[in-house]
Amino acid sequence: MPPEKKEKLKRLFYRGALISTLLLTLVALLMTRPWSRHNSWKQMAIFMPSKRVANFRAMDEIFPSRPIRRGEPSHRFETRERPLPKTYTYRGKQTRLDDFLDRTFTTGVLVLQGNAIVAERYFRGARPDSALTSWSMAKSIVSLLVGIARDEGLIGDLDVPIGSYASELRASAYGAVTLGDALTMSSGVAFDERYERLFSDINLMFARIFYFRESAAHYLASLPREAPSGKRFHYISADTFALGLALREAIGRSLSSYLEQKIWKPIGMEYDASWNVASDDDIELAFCCLNARLRDYAKLGRLVARGGDWDGRRIISKNWLRQSTRVEPERAPGTIPGFRFGYQYHWWIPSGGREAFMAAGIWSQYLYINPSRDLVIVKTSVDPNFFQTKDEHVAVFEAIEDALR
């Protein structure tokens, strides 16, 4: 090959390499948006062990969010301190409560009995005014909003398919899933919820929404069906996400606005809250990421413990809460493979013969409620072993309950 031709090919190669590098750099910048407050570098680091504690109380700095404003006057609990048990028993072994709280990387724990806070403790830099994220506890809040929408006639029969409300999902697998099947985690839609797998659906969902800027509806519409709807329990966050889309269309506003108007202001929350969203103009991450203070989580628990009544004001119908927590036989405690708990409309029912139920999230976020004792326990954590400690958490809550008799 003549030298001049070699030189020309070399120049073309270098030019192509330069253009490719510039294009890749541009794509990387558009995807990660380092200039943005909510950039992908922060989002990719959310679960880094050295950053988790701080990240879980700074979710508004990591993901976009919508505010949920408090009203006036705010409801203030009485304080009537009582000692918590020093130990509890789990699988025949007695363990110190303080050791458990430390081992599960607890950031806050609050125990409410009646209208009085009997214990309130914070750890790892958290304070009473820290906005601690809820993770999947938010799923139970979505259930409350569905109940209110039903009370108002905005949502009818739970046998109606999601596609009847969420037009963007009408032609997808979720289009034919009923509201009831989504509430009971039995959609039949294929979705891998395993956080420990790098390329599981739950991890890829965050990547597609926040790194590739895909809309929530487009992502959900891409999920295939793996089983008939309503036939088996399969806990997946996508069910709540799709339910959130249907709820938004039914109420004609954002979930944050509805929560603010129907619950946050009426029951006198002490602080503003926020709910992370897929993007500034997209839906709330309905399956997670409501950010609030422990005292306000406790108010949600008290509202539910008292059958939807708040000091004489009806917020949610008692019948809806009864339906939400009265588990069907096929989802009763001990009947779901891999779970000792039962499940109904986005609430977990422990297997202990008590009248308790709870909202629960990864990293050991809990809202434990026993209406017969007028008892609410809130616990937020950054627990790396949250799958292994879920049964032990219930043993701790039951020990606290017994100590307060």
Protein backbone atom coordinates (compact mmCIF):
# COMPACT_ATOMS: atom_id res chain seq x y z
CA MET A 1 0.00 0.00 0.00
CA PRO A 2 1.43 3.40 -0.96
CA PRO A 3 2.62 5.53 2.00
CA GLU A 4 0.20 8.36 1.16
CA LYS A 5 -2.75 5.94 1.28
CA LYS A 6 -1.58 4.57 4.62
CA GLU A 7 -1.34 8.09 5.96
CA LYS A 8 -4.85 8.90 4.72
CA LEU A 9 -6.29 5.74 6.37
CA LYS A 10 -4.49 6.60 9.58
CA ARG A 11 -5.99 10.10 9.58
CA LEU A 12 -9.45 8.65 8.92
CA PHE A 13 -9.00 6.18 11.76
CA TYR A 14 -7.93 8.84 14.24
CA ARG A 15 -10.74 11.13 13.11
CA GLY A 16 -13.29 8.35 13.54
CA ALA A 17 -11.88 7.48 16.96
CA LEU A 18 -12.07 11.14 18.01
CA ILE A 19 -15.67 11.49 16.80
CA SER A 20 -16.65 8.22 18.53
CA THR A 21 -15.03 9.38 21.76
CA LEU A 22 -16.82 12.73 21.60
CA LEU A 23 -20.16 11.04 20.90
CA LEU A 24 -19.68 8.57 23.75
CA THR A 25 -18.69 11.43 26.06
CA LEU A 26 -21.78 13.40 25.02
CA VAL A 27 -24.05 10.38 25.61
CA ALA A 28 -22.41 9.76 28.98
CA LEU A 29 -22.92 13.39 29.98
CA LEU A 30 -26.57 13.36 28.88
CA MET A 31 -27.17 10.14 30.80
CA THR A 32 -25.36 11.05 34.00
CA ARG A 33 -26.00 14.83 33.99
CA PRO A 34 -23.14 15.70 36.39
CA TRP A 35 -24.33 19.34 36.39
CA SER A 36 -27.73 18.34 37.77
CA ARG A 37 -28.60 18.18 41.44
CA HIS A 38 -30.12 14.75 40.78
CA ASN A 39 -27.30 13.24 38.77
CA SER A 40 -26.69 9.59 38.02
CA TRP A 41 -23.41 9.44 39.91
CA LYS A 42 -25.26 10.10 43.15
CA GLN A 43 -28.01 7.69 42.16
CA MET A 44 -25.56 4.90 41.34
CA ALA A 45 -23.94 5.35 44.77
CA ILE A 46 -27.16 5.12 46.76
CA PHE A 47 -26.43 1.65 48.18
CA MET A 48 -22.70 2.09 48.72
CA PRO A 49 -21.99 0.84 52.27
CA SER A 50 -20.12 4.00 53.21
CA LYS A 51 -22.95 6.26 51.99
CA ARG A 52 -26.18 4.36 52.77
CA VAL A 53 -26.82 5.90 56.18
CA ALA A 54 -26.54 9.46 54.86
CA ASN A 55 -28.32 8.67 51.59
CA PHE A 56 -31.39 7.19 53.26
CA ARG A 57 -32.10 10.53 54.94
CA ALA A 58 -31.23 12.67 51.91
CA MET A 59 -33.36 11.09 49.18
CA ASP A 60 -34.45 14.49 47.84
CA GLU A 61 -30.82 15.23 47.02
CA ILE A 62 -30.47 11.97 45.07
CA PHE A 63 -33.77 11.62 43.19
CA PRO A 64 -36.34 14.19 42.08
CA SER A 65 -39.34 14.45 44.40
CA ARG A 66 -42.65 16.15 45.05
CA PRO A 67 -43.44 17.88 48.34
CA ILE A 68 -46.24 16.85 50.68
CA ARG A 69 -47.13 19.85 52.82
CA ARG A 70 -48.28 19.68 56.41
CA GLY A 71 -51.30 21.60 57.59
CA GLU A 72 -52.10 23.66 60.67
CA PRO A 73 -52.46 22.92 63.48
CA SER A 74 -50.15 19.94 63.74
CA HIS A 75 -51.08 17.10 66.04
CA ARG A 76 -48.57 16.63 68.85
CA PHE A 77 -48.36 13.39 70.76
CA GLU A 78 -48.06 13.27 74.52
CA THR A 79 -44.85 11.85 75.94
CA ARG A 80 -45.10 9.13 78.54
CA GLU A 81 -41.81 7.30 78.66
CA ARG A 82 -41.79 3.65 79.58
CA PRO A 83 -38.82 1.29 79.59
CA LEU A 84 -38.48 -1.07 76.67
CA PRO A 85 -37.52 -4.67 77.40
CA LYS A 86 -33.80 -5.14 77.81
CA THR A 87 -33.95 -8.54 76.11
CA TYR A 88 -36.15 -10.57 73.78
CA THR A 89 -36.29 -14.23 72.83
CA TYR A 90 -35.89 -15.46 69.28
CA ARG A 91 -35.57 -19.14 68.32
CA GLY A 92 -35.00 -20.04 71.95
CA LYS A 93 -32.14 -17.60 72.40
CA GLN A 94 -32.25 -14.50 74.59
CA THR A 95 -30.66 -11.41 73.06
CA ARG A 96 -30.15 -7.85 74.27
CA LEU A 97 -32.42 -5.36 72.50
CA ASP A 98 -29.64 -2.78 72.22
CA ASP A 99 -27.42 -5.32 70.48
CA PHE A 100 -30.19 -6.03 67.97
CA LEU A 101 -30.75 -2.33 67.27
CA ASP A 102 -27.05 -1.90 66.63
CA ARG A 103 -26.69 -5.06 64.53
CA THR A 104 -29.58 -4.06 62.25
CA PHE A 105 -28.13 -0.56 61.71
CA THR A 106 -31.18 1.12 63.23
CA THR A 107 -31.55 4.82 62.50
CA GLY A 108 -34.74 5.40 64.48
CA VAL A 109 -37.32 3.59 66.58
CA LEU A 110 -40.52 5.04 68.00
CA VAL A 111 -43.19 3.29 70.07
CA LEU A 112 -46.65 4.85 70.29
CA GLN A 113 -49.31 3.64 72.70
CA GLY A 114 -52.62 5.42 72.37
CA ASN A 115 -51.76 9.07 71.91
CA ALA A 116 -48.49 8.90 73.83
CA ILE A 117 -44.94 8.28 72.68
CA VAL A 118 -43.52 5.81 75.18
CA ALA A 119 -40.12 5.45 73.51
CA GLU A 120 -38.28 7.42 70.82
CA ARG A 121 -34.64 6.81 70.01
CA TYR A 122 -32.36 7.87 67.15
CA PHE A 123 -29.05 6.51 65.98
CA ARG A 124 -26.27 7.12 63.44
CA GLY A 125 -26.80 10.86 63.25
CA ALA A 126 -30.57 10.80 62.74
CA ARG A 127 -32.78 13.22 64.70
CA PRO A 128 -36.52 13.77 65.21
CA ASP A 129 -36.55 16.13 62.22
CA SER A 130 -34.65 13.75 59.90
CA ALA A 131 -36.62 12.71 56.81
CA LEU A 132 -36.06 8.95 56.82
CA THR A 133 -37.03 7.04 53.73
CA SER A 134 -39.69 4.34 53.81
CA TRP A 135 -38.71 2.00 50.99
CA SER A 136 -41.55 -0.52 50.55
CA MET A 137 -43.54 0.78 53.53
CA ALA A 138 -44.81 3.21 50.88
CA LYS A 139 -46.70 0.33 49.26
CA SER A 140 -49.07 0.27 52.23
CA ILE A 141 -49.61 4.02 51.87
CA VAL A 142 -50.66 3.42 48.25
CA SER A 143 -53.20 0.92 49.58
CA LEU A 144 -54.62 3.62 51.87
CA LEU A 145 -54.95 6.00 48.91
CA VAL A 146 -56.72 3.34 46.85
CA GLY A 147 -59.16 2.91 49.74
CA ILE A 148 -59.86 6.63 49.90
CA ALA A 149 -60.37 6.77 46.13
CA ARG A 150 -62.88 3.93 46.46
CA ASP A 151 -64.66 5.75 49.29
CA GLU A 152 -64.97 8.76 46.98
CA GLY A 153 -66.25 6.71 44.06
CA LEU A 154 -63.20 7.46 41.91
CA ILE A 155 -62.34 3.77 41.83
CA GLY A 156 -65.01 1.11 41.59
CA ASP A 157 -64.82 -2.64 41.68
CA LEU A 158 -61.37 -4.15 42.25
CA ASP A 159 -62.05 -6.63 39.43
CA VAL A 160 -61.65 -3.79 36.92
CA PRO A 161 -58.39 -4.08 34.93
CA ILE A 162 -55.59 -1.56 35.37
CA GLY A 163 -55.85 -0.71 31.68
CA SER A 164 -59.31 0.76 32.27
CA TYR A 165 -57.61 3.58 34.21
CA ALA A 166 -54.02 3.65 32.92
CA SER A 167 -54.43 4.04 29.16
CA GLU A 168 -50.67 3.81 28.57
CA LEU A 169 -50.72 0.24 29.91
CA ARG A 170 -53.87 -0.87 28.10
CA ALA A 171 -52.09 -2.89 25.42
CA SER A 172 -49.52 -4.39 27.81
CA ALA A 173 -49.53 -7.37 30.16
CA TYR A 174 -50.54 -4.99 32.96
CA GLY A 175 -53.51 -3.76 30.97
CA ALA A 176 -55.50 -6.92 31.82
CA VAL A 177 -54.33 -7.23 35.45
CA THR A 178 -57.09 -6.26 37.86
CA LEU A 179 -56.63 -3.74 40.65
CA GLY A 180 -57.27 -6.53 43.16
CA ASP A 181 -54.60 -8.77 41.68
CA ALA A 182 -52.06 -5.93 41.79
CA LEU A 183 -53.00 -5.20 45.42
CA THR A 184 -52.41 -8.83 46.37
CA MET A 185 -49.18 -9.18 44.36
CA SER A 186 -50.61 -11.77 41.99
CA SER A 187 -50.42 -10.03 38.62
CA GLY A 188 -48.62 -12.84 36.80
CA VAL A 189 -46.25 -10.28 35.26
CA ALA A 190 -42.62 -11.39 34.99
CA PHE A 191 -40.34 -9.40 37.29
CA ASP A 192 -37.23 -10.35 39.28
CA GLU A 193 -37.25 -8.54 42.65
CA ARG A 194 -33.87 -9.83 43.86
CA TYR A 195 -31.75 -6.83 44.81
CA GLU A 196 -28.64 -8.96 45.24
CA ARG A 197 -28.60 -9.82 41.50
CA LEU A 198 -26.88 -7.08 39.50
CA PHE A 199 -29.09 -7.47 36.44
CA SER A 200 -32.38 -8.27 38.15
CA ASP A 201 -35.48 -6.38 37.01
CA ILE A 202 -35.64 -4.28 40.18
CA ASN A 203 -32.11 -3.00 39.53
CA LEU A 204 -32.57 -2.61 35.78
CA MET A 205 -35.79 -0.68 36.42
CA PHE A 206 -33.87 2.00 38.31
CA ALA A 207 -31.22 2.04 35.55
CA ARG A 208 -33.75 2.40 32.74
CA ILE A 209 -35.73 5.13 34.50
CA PHE A 210 -32.92 7.22 35.96
CA TYR A 211 -29.97 6.60 33.63
CA PHE A 212 -31.76 6.13 30.30
CA ARG A 213 -34.64 8.52 31.19
CA GLU A 214 -37.36 6.02 30.27
CA SER A 215 -40.87 6.89 31.43
CA ALA A 216 -42.49 4.72 34.09
CA ALA A 217 -45.38 3.80 31.80
CA HIS A 218 -43.08 2.80 28.93
CA TYR A 219 -41.00 0.64 31.25
CA LEU A 220 -44.01 -1.09 32.82
CA ALA A 221 -45.58 -1.69 29.40
CA SER A 222 -42.45 -3.59 28.35
CA LEU A 223 -42.80 -6.28 31.03
CA PRO A 224 -44.07 -9.65 29.77
CA ARG A 225 -46.56 -12.01 31.38
CA GLU A 226 -45.23 -15.22 32.95
CA ALA A 227 -48.41 -16.65 34.54
CA PRO A 228 -52.18 -16.06 34.53
CA SER A 229 -53.24 -13.08 36.61
CA GLY A 230 -54.66 -13.87 40.04
CA LYS A 231 -53.30 -17.42 40.29
CA ARG A 232 -50.24 -17.12 42.51
CA PHE A 233 -48.56 -14.72 44.90
CA HIS A 234 -45.35 -13.16 43.60
CA TYR A 235 -44.16 -10.07 45.45
CA ILE A 236 -42.94 -7.51 42.91
CA SER A 237 -42.62 -3.73 43.12
CA ALA A 238 -43.82 -3.39 39.54
CA ASP A 239 -47.36 -4.29 40.69
CA THR A 240 -47.47 -1.26 42.98
CA PHE A 241 -45.88 0.94 40.32
CA ALA A 242 -48.60 -0.04 37.83
CA LEU A 243 -51.26 0.42 40.51
CA GLY A 244 -49.89 3.92 41.10
CA LEU A 245 -50.34 4.77 37.43
CA ALA A 246 -53.96 3.59 37.53
CA LEU A 247 -54.60 5.52 40.75
CA ARG A 248 -53.12 8.72 39.30
CA GLU A 249 -55.48 8.53 36.32
CA ALA A 250 -58.47 7.74 38.55
CA ILE A 251 -57.92 10.70 40.90
CA GLY A 252 -56.70 13.10 38.21
CA ARG A 253 -53.71 14.35 40.17
CA SER A 254 -50.38 13.26 41.60
CA LEU A 255 -50.22 10.74 44.42
CA SER A 256 -48.34 13.30 46.52
CA SER A 257 -51.10 15.88 46.14
CA TYR A 258 -53.76 13.31 47.01
CA LEU A 259 -51.84 12.11 50.07
CA GLU A 260 -51.38 15.72 51.18
CA GLN A 261 -55.05 16.62 50.86
CA LYS A 262 -56.60 13.40 52.14
CA ILE A 263 -54.24 12.38 54.94
CA TRP A 264 -51.21 14.60 55.61
CA LYS A 265 -53.09 17.82 56.34
CA PRO A 266 -56.27 16.37 57.90
CA ILE A 267 -54.44 14.39 60.60
CA GLY A 268 -52.03 17.21 61.44
CA MET A 269 -48.64 15.93 60.43
CA GLU A 270 -45.82 17.67 62.25
CA TYR A 271 -43.52 18.01 59.22
CA ASP A 272 -43.61 18.33 55.46
CA ALA A 273 -42.72 15.14 53.62
CA SER A 274 -41.75 14.22 50.06
CA TRP A 275 -42.18 11.39 47.60
CA ASN A 276 -39.51 10.60 45.04
CA VAL A 277 -40.65 10.56 41.42
CA ALA A 278 -39.42 8.92 38.23
CA SER A 279 -38.80 12.40 36.79
CA ASP A 280 -40.07 15.91 37.40
CA ASP A 281 -43.10 15.31 35.16
CA ASP A 282 -43.60 11.59 35.82
CA ILE A 283 -45.29 9.50 38.49
CA GLU A 284 -44.20 8.92 42.06
CA LEU A 285 -42.15 5.81 42.75
CA ALA A 286 -45.29 4.28 44.25
CA PHE A 287 -43.47 1.16 45.40
CA CYS A 288 -41.06 3.06 47.62
CA CYS A 289 -39.45 6.30 48.64
CA LEU A 290 -41.92 8.28 50.71
CA ASN A 291 -39.67 10.36 52.99
CA ALA A 292 -41.01 11.42 56.38
CA ARG A 293 -40.23 11.72 60.08
CA LEU A 294 -40.82 8.94 62.59
CA ARG A 295 -43.54 10.86 64.44
CA ASP A 296 -45.50 11.28 61.21
CA TYR A 297 -45.08 7.63 60.26
CA ALA A 298 -46.49 6.93 63.72
CA LYS A 299 -49.52 9.09 62.92
CA LEU A 300 -50.18 6.96 59.84
CA GLY A 301 -50.00 3.92 62.09
CA ARG A 302 -52.39 5.44 64.64
CA LEU A 303 -54.85 6.31 61.87
CA VAL A 304 -54.88 2.71 60.67
CA ALA A 305 -54.91 1.26 64.20
CA ARG A 306 -58.09 3.23 64.89
CA GLY A 307 -59.88 1.97 61.82
CA GLY A 308 -59.39 5.06 59.67
CA ASP A 309 -60.83 7.47 62.24
CA TRP A 310 -58.80 10.44 63.44
CA ASP A 311 -60.25 11.85 66.66
CA GLY A 312 -63.79 11.71 65.29
CA ARG A 313 -62.96 12.56 61.69
CA ARG A 314 -63.39 9.75 59.17
CA ILE A 315 -60.33 9.60 56.86
CA ILE A 316 -60.55 6.06 55.45
CA SER A 317 -63.45 3.64 55.66
CA LYS A 318 -63.16 1.01 58.35
CA ASN A 319 -64.38 -1.58 55.89
CA TRP A 320 -61.47 -0.91 53.52
CA LEU A 321 -58.93 -1.36 56.30
CA ARG A 322 -60.66 -4.55 57.39
CA GLN A 323 -60.49 -5.89 53.83
CA SER A 324 -56.87 -4.79 53.50
CA THR A 325 -55.63 -6.71 56.52
CA ARG A 326 -57.98 -9.73 56.68
CA VAL A 327 -55.87 -12.20 54.77
CA GLU A 328 -57.31 -14.72 52.32
CA PRO A 329 -56.50 -18.41 52.94
CA GLU A 330 -54.16 -18.71 49.97
CA ARG A 331 -52.06 -15.83 51.33
CA ALA A 332 -52.35 -16.67 55.03
CA PRO A 333 -49.27 -16.87 57.26
CA GLY A 334 -47.27 -19.98 56.45
CA THR A 335 -48.96 -20.69 53.11
CA ILE A 336 -46.80 -18.49 50.87
CA PRO A 337 -43.59 -20.31 49.86
CA GLY A 338 -40.59 -18.58 51.37
CA PHE A 339 -42.63 -16.36 53.71
CA ARG A 340 -43.84 -16.94 57.25
CA PHE A 341 -46.04 -13.86 56.95
CA GLY A 342 -49.37 -13.54 55.21
CA TYR A 343 -50.27 -10.78 52.76
CA GLN A 344 -53.36 -8.90 51.70
CA TYR A 345 -53.81 -5.44 50.17
CA HIS A 346 -50.16 -4.34 50.49
CA TRP A 347 -50.02 -5.20 54.20
CA TRP A 348 -48.05 -8.04 55.82
CA ILE A 349 -49.70 -10.20 58.49
CA PRO A 350 -47.22 -11.90 60.88
CA SER A 351 -47.81 -15.46 62.00
CA GLY A 352 -48.14 -15.11 65.74
CA GLY A 353 -51.85 -15.39 66.54
CA ARG A 354 -51.97 -11.66 67.33
CA GLU A 355 -54.15 -9.04 65.69
CA ALA A 356 -51.10 -7.27 64.30
CA PHE A 357 -50.10 -6.36 60.76
CA MET A 358 -47.37 -4.22 59.30
CA ALA A 359 -45.91 -2.25 56.44
CA ALA A 360 -42.38 -3.41 55.67
CA GLY A 361 -39.53 -2.34 53.43
CA ILE A 362 -36.05 -3.46 52.50
CA TRP A 363 -33.19 -2.41 54.74
CA SER A 364 -35.59 -3.14 57.64
CA GLN A 365 -38.14 -0.33 57.53
CA TYR A 366 -41.23 -1.26 59.58
CA LEU A 367 -44.58 0.13 60.65
CA TYR A 368 -45.99 -2.46 63.08
CA ILE A 369 -49.61 -1.98 64.16
CA ASN A 370 -51.76 -3.82 66.68
CA PRO A 371 -55.22 -2.18 66.87
CA SER A 372 -56.31 -4.29 69.85
CA ARG A 373 -53.46 -2.78 71.88
CA ASP A 374 -53.67 0.68 70.28
CA LEU A 375 -49.96 0.15 69.61
CA VAL A 376 -47.73 1.40 66.80
CA ILE A 377 -44.01 0.72 66.39
CA VAL A 378 -41.96 2.52 63.74
CA LYS A 379 -38.43 1.39 62.90
CA THR A 380 -36.12 2.69 60.18
CA SER A 381 -32.80 1.07 59.46
CA VAL A 382 -29.95 0.57 57.04
CA ASP A 383 -29.79 -3.16 57.68
CA PRO A 384 -27.64 -5.03 55.11
CA ASN A 385 -29.10 -8.36 56.30
CA PHE A 386 -32.74 -7.31 56.02
CA PHE A 387 -33.90 -10.59 54.45
CA GLN A 388 -32.39 -12.63 57.29
CA THR A 389 -33.70 -10.43 60.13
CA LYS A 390 -37.37 -9.99 59.11
CA ASP A 391 -38.68 -12.76 61.41
CA GLU A 392 -36.46 -11.55 64.23
CA HIS A 393 -37.88 -8.05 63.88
CA VAL A 394 -41.37 -9.40 64.54
CA ALA A 395 -40.07 -11.18 67.65
CA VAL A 396 -38.67 -7.84 68.85
CA PHE A 397 -41.95 -6.01 68.17
CA GLU A 398 -43.91 -8.67 70.02
CA ALA A 399 -41.53 -8.45 72.99
CA ILE A 400 -42.04 -4.68 73.11
CA GLU A 401 -45.79 -5.19 72.87
CA ASP A 402 -45.75 -7.67 75.75
CA ALA A 403 -43.60 -5.38 77.91
CA LEU A 404 -46.17 -2.57 77.59
CA ARG A 405 -49.19 -4.55 78.78
